[in-house]
Protein backbone atom coordinates (compact mmCIF):
# COMPACT_ATOMS: atom_id res chain seq x y z
CA MET A 1 -55.66 -33.54 -40.01
CA PHE A 2 -56.38 -31.25 -37.13
CA GLU A 3 -58.60 -28.12 -38.90
CA ASP A 4 -60.83 -25.97 -36.48
CA VAL A 5 -59.52 -27.47 -33.42
CA ARG A 6 -60.90 -25.30 -30.77
CA ALA A 7 -59.59 -26.63 -27.76
CA VAL A 8 -56.67 -29.25 -26.86
CA ILE A 9 -58.49 -31.13 -23.78
CA PHE A 10 -55.71 -32.76 -21.86
CA CYS A 11 -56.85 -35.21 -19.15
CA VAL A 12 -54.12 -36.42 -16.12
CA ALA A 13 -55.03 -39.17 -13.13
CA LEU A 14 -53.67 -37.62 -10.31
CA ASP A 15 -53.44 -40.62 -8.86
CA GLU A 16 -51.13 -42.13 -10.94
CA TYR A 17 -47.78 -39.89 -9.66
CA ASP A 18 -46.34 -43.28 -8.13
CA LEU A 19 -47.60 -45.91 -10.76
CA LEU A 20 -45.19 -47.32 -13.27
CA TRP A 21 -45.87 -48.16 -17.24
CA THR A 22 -44.16 -50.23 -19.62
CA ASP A 23 -45.46 -51.35 -23.43
CA GLY A 24 -43.64 -54.22 -23.87
CA SER A 25 -41.00 -53.27 -25.46
CA SER A 26 -39.28 -50.86 -23.34
CA ALA A 27 -38.32 -50.38 -19.90
CA LEU A 28 -40.81 -49.39 -16.91
CA GLN A 29 -41.44 -45.36 -16.67
CA ASN A 30 -42.96 -43.65 -14.86
CA LYS A 31 -46.69 -42.84 -15.76
CA MET A 32 -46.99 -38.99 -14.73
CA LEU A 33 -43.62 -38.33 -16.16
CA LEU A 34 -44.93 -40.26 -19.52
CA SER A 35 -48.01 -37.35 -19.35
CA ARG A 36 -46.29 -35.32 -18.90
CA GLU A 37 -43.92 -36.08 -22.25
CA LEU A 38 -46.69 -36.38 -23.94
CA PHE A 39 -48.23 -33.50 -22.88
CA GLU A 40 -44.67 -31.73 -23.74
CA ASN A 41 -45.22 -33.10 -26.58
CA ILE A 42 -48.34 -32.09 -28.01
CA LEU A 43 -48.01 -28.65 -27.07
CA ARG A 44 -45.16 -27.94 -29.14
CA HIS A 45 -47.14 -29.44 -31.92
CA PRO A 46 -47.51 -26.78 -34.37
CA CYS A 47 -50.50 -27.62 -35.37
CA PHE A 48 -52.03 -26.39 -31.89
CA ARG A 49 -49.41 -23.08 -31.65
CA ASP A 50 -52.78 -21.47 -30.96
CA THR A 51 -54.69 -23.60 -29.63
CA PRO A 52 -56.07 -22.63 -25.71
CA PHE A 53 -54.87 -25.66 -23.63
CA VAL A 54 -57.41 -27.26 -21.17
CA LEU A 55 -55.96 -29.36 -18.15
CA LEU A 56 -58.15 -31.62 -16.18
CA LEU A 57 -56.48 -33.38 -13.13
CA ASN A 58 -59.05 -36.35 -12.82
CA LYS A 59 -59.47 -38.86 -10.05
CA PHE A 60 -58.64 -36.07 -6.82
CA ASP A 61 -61.16 -38.83 -4.77
CA LEU A 62 -57.96 -41.47 -4.98
CA PHE A 63 -55.53 -38.67 -5.31
CA GLU A 64 -56.56 -36.90 -2.02
CA LYS A 65 -56.88 -40.40 -0.12
CA LYS A 66 -53.59 -41.75 -1.24
CA VAL A 67 -52.15 -38.75 -1.13
CA HIS A 68 -51.43 -39.48 2.79
CA ARG A 69 -50.02 -43.10 2.25
CA VAL A 70 -47.92 -42.57 -0.79
CA PRO A 71 -45.86 -39.34 -0.80
CA LEU A 72 -46.48 -37.05 -3.97
CA ARG A 73 -42.32 -37.04 -3.94
CA THR A 74 -42.40 -40.58 -4.40
CA CYS A 75 -42.16 -38.94 -8.23
CA GLU A 76 -38.84 -37.61 -9.72
CA TRP A 77 -40.97 -34.55 -11.02
CA PHE A 78 -42.54 -33.61 -7.41
CA SER A 79 -39.52 -34.36 -5.42
CA ASP A 80 -39.47 -30.91 -4.08
CA PHE A 81 -43.10 -30.88 -3.00
CA ASP A 82 -43.05 -29.15 0.61
CA PRO A 83 -46.26 -29.13 1.70
CA VAL A 84 -47.07 -26.34 5.21
CA ARG A 85 -48.01 -28.62 8.19
CA GLY A 86 -50.06 -26.81 11.05
CA SER A 87 -53.20 -27.30 12.71
CA SER A 88 -54.35 -24.18 11.85
CA LEU A 89 -54.21 -24.40 7.95
CA ALA A 90 -57.42 -23.97 5.93
CA GLN A 91 -55.91 -26.62 2.92
CA THR A 92 -55.72 -30.18 3.38
CA LEU A 93 -52.98 -32.09 2.35
CA ALA A 94 -54.55 -33.19 -1.79
CA THR A 95 -55.28 -29.86 -2.10
CA GLN A 96 -51.61 -29.38 -1.83
CA ALA A 97 -50.26 -31.63 -3.43
CA TYR A 98 -53.03 -30.85 -6.75
CA THR A 99 -52.14 -27.35 -6.63
CA TYR A 100 -48.74 -27.83 -6.70
CA VAL A 101 -49.45 -30.51 -9.38
CA ALA A 102 -51.03 -28.60 -11.47
CA TYR A 103 -49.13 -25.34 -10.98
CA LYS A 104 -45.80 -27.86 -12.14
CA PHE A 105 -47.93 -28.11 -15.56
CA LYS A 106 -48.31 -24.53 -15.82
CA LYS A 107 -45.01 -23.77 -15.08
CA LEU A 108 -44.12 -26.48 -17.80
CA PHE A 109 -46.48 -25.04 -20.53
CA GLU A 110 -45.28 -21.41 -19.56
CA SER A 111 -41.22 -22.62 -20.31
CA ILE A 112 -42.47 -23.87 -24.14
CA ASN A 113 -45.69 -21.46 -24.69
CA THR A 114 -44.27 -18.62 -26.81
CA THR A 115 -47.39 -17.47 -28.75
CA GLY A 116 -49.08 -16.14 -25.33
CA ARG A 117 -51.93 -18.89 -25.80
CA LYS A 118 -53.71 -20.05 -22.33
CA LEU A 119 -53.31 -23.00 -20.31
CA TYR A 120 -57.21 -24.16 -18.11
CA THR A 121 -57.20 -26.03 -15.11
CA PHE A 122 -60.10 -28.33 -13.71
CA GLN A 123 -60.48 -30.92 -11.07
CA LEU A 124 -62.32 -33.79 -11.52
CA LYS A 125 -63.58 -36.55 -9.82
CA ALA A 126 -64.45 -38.60 -12.31
CA ARG A 127 -66.55 -41.07 -10.46
CA ASP A 128 -69.03 -38.19 -9.63
CA ARG A 129 -70.95 -37.36 -12.52
CA SER A 130 -71.56 -33.54 -10.99
CA THR A 131 -67.62 -32.90 -11.51
CA VAL A 132 -67.55 -34.04 -14.81
CA ASN A 133 -70.22 -32.23 -16.13
CA ALA A 134 -68.74 -28.90 -13.85
CA GLY A 135 -65.92 -29.71 -17.02
CA PHE A 136 -67.62 -29.76 -19.40
CA GLN A 137 -69.78 -26.66 -18.36
CA TYR A 138 -65.85 -25.23 -18.04
CA VAL A 139 -64.62 -26.42 -21.19
CA LYS A 140 -67.68 -24.62 -22.58
CA GLU A 141 -67.17 -21.40 -21.16
CA ILE A 142 -63.37 -21.12 -21.62
CA LEU A 143 -64.61 -21.60 -26.02
CA LYS A 144 -67.54 -19.02 -25.42
CA TRP A 145 -64.41 -16.61 -23.68
CA GLU A 146 -62.01 -17.87 -26.50
CA GLU A 147 -64.41 -17.32 -29.50
CA ASN A 148 -66.04 -13.77 -27.82
CA LYS A 149 -62.21 -12.50 -27.23
CA ALA A 150 -60.71 -13.54 -31.32
CA SER A 151 -64.08 -11.60 -32.29
CA THR A 152 -63.86 -8.26 -30.35
CA PHE A 153 -62.77 -5.41 -32.63
CA TRP A 154 -61.29 -3.93 -30.15
CA ASN A 155 -58.93 -6.74 -29.01
CA VAL A 156 -58.65 -6.10 -25.62
CA HIS A 157 -56.00 -8.19 -24.04
CA ASP A 158 -57.40 -9.30 -21.39
CA GLU A 159 -55.18 -11.21 -18.34
CA SER A 160 -58.44 -12.42 -15.93
CA VAL A 161 -58.84 -15.53 -14.62
CA TYR A 162 -57.48 -17.06 -17.93
CA SER A 163 -54.29 -16.30 -17.34
CA SER A 164 -51.49 -18.73 -17.03
CA ASP A 165 -50.88 -18.49 -13.76
CA MET A 166 -52.10 -19.44 -9.77
CA SER A 167 -55.24 -17.24 -10.70
CA SER A 168 -56.38 -19.69 -13.52
CA PHE A 169 -57.10 -22.22 -11.32
CA ALA A 170 -60.47 -23.86 -11.11
CA PRO A 171 -62.09 -23.53 -7.57
CA VAL A 172 -61.65 -27.20 -6.02
CA LEU A 173 -65.40 -28.37 -5.61
CA GLN A 174 -65.81 -29.58 -2.49
CA ASN A 175 -68.57 -31.71 -1.85
CA ASN A 176 -70.80 -31.16 0.40
CA GLY A 177 -74.13 -32.78 -0.74
CA HIS A 178 -75.01 -30.71 -3.06
C-alpha cells in the first residue's frame, strides 16, 4: 500500500493548539495533541522506517495573531514554553512560539527515530500563495537531495542543514512585499 513512498509530508495547523475536537464517540481532545499522536503513529509505521519526513507547520499568519491573545501554554504539551521578553529582542513572540512548536515535534521525532532518517520543517501561511509555492519547492529540493544522497557511490554521511537539529528549520518567511 505504501510502496515507493519517497517522503512523508505531515501538515499541522499551528493555530489549533487551543482547540478541541471529538469524533462524536469520544471525549473532547486537544487538536494539537491529536496531531502529535497521529504524527507519532505515522512515524512508527514500519513502511516509513527509512522515509524522510517533512513537517509543514501551517497557518502561521493566524498563529501569529492568536498567540498574543491565547498563551501557547494552553496546550499541555507546551506547558513549559517560556518566551524571552524584552525590547531588544529580535524575535517576536510568534516566531519564538513557532520555533518552540517545531522543536517539540523534532524532539518527538528524535525520540522515535532509530534509522537515521531526517525530519525537515517548513513554515506556511496557507492563504499566502508564495509560501505554499515555497513549501512545495522545499519538498522538491529535499526529494532531489535524498535521491542524490542515495545514489552517491561513496555514500558520505552529510550532517548539513538536513539534520534533525535546530539548523534544519526552514527560514521564517517574511512578507515584505516581494
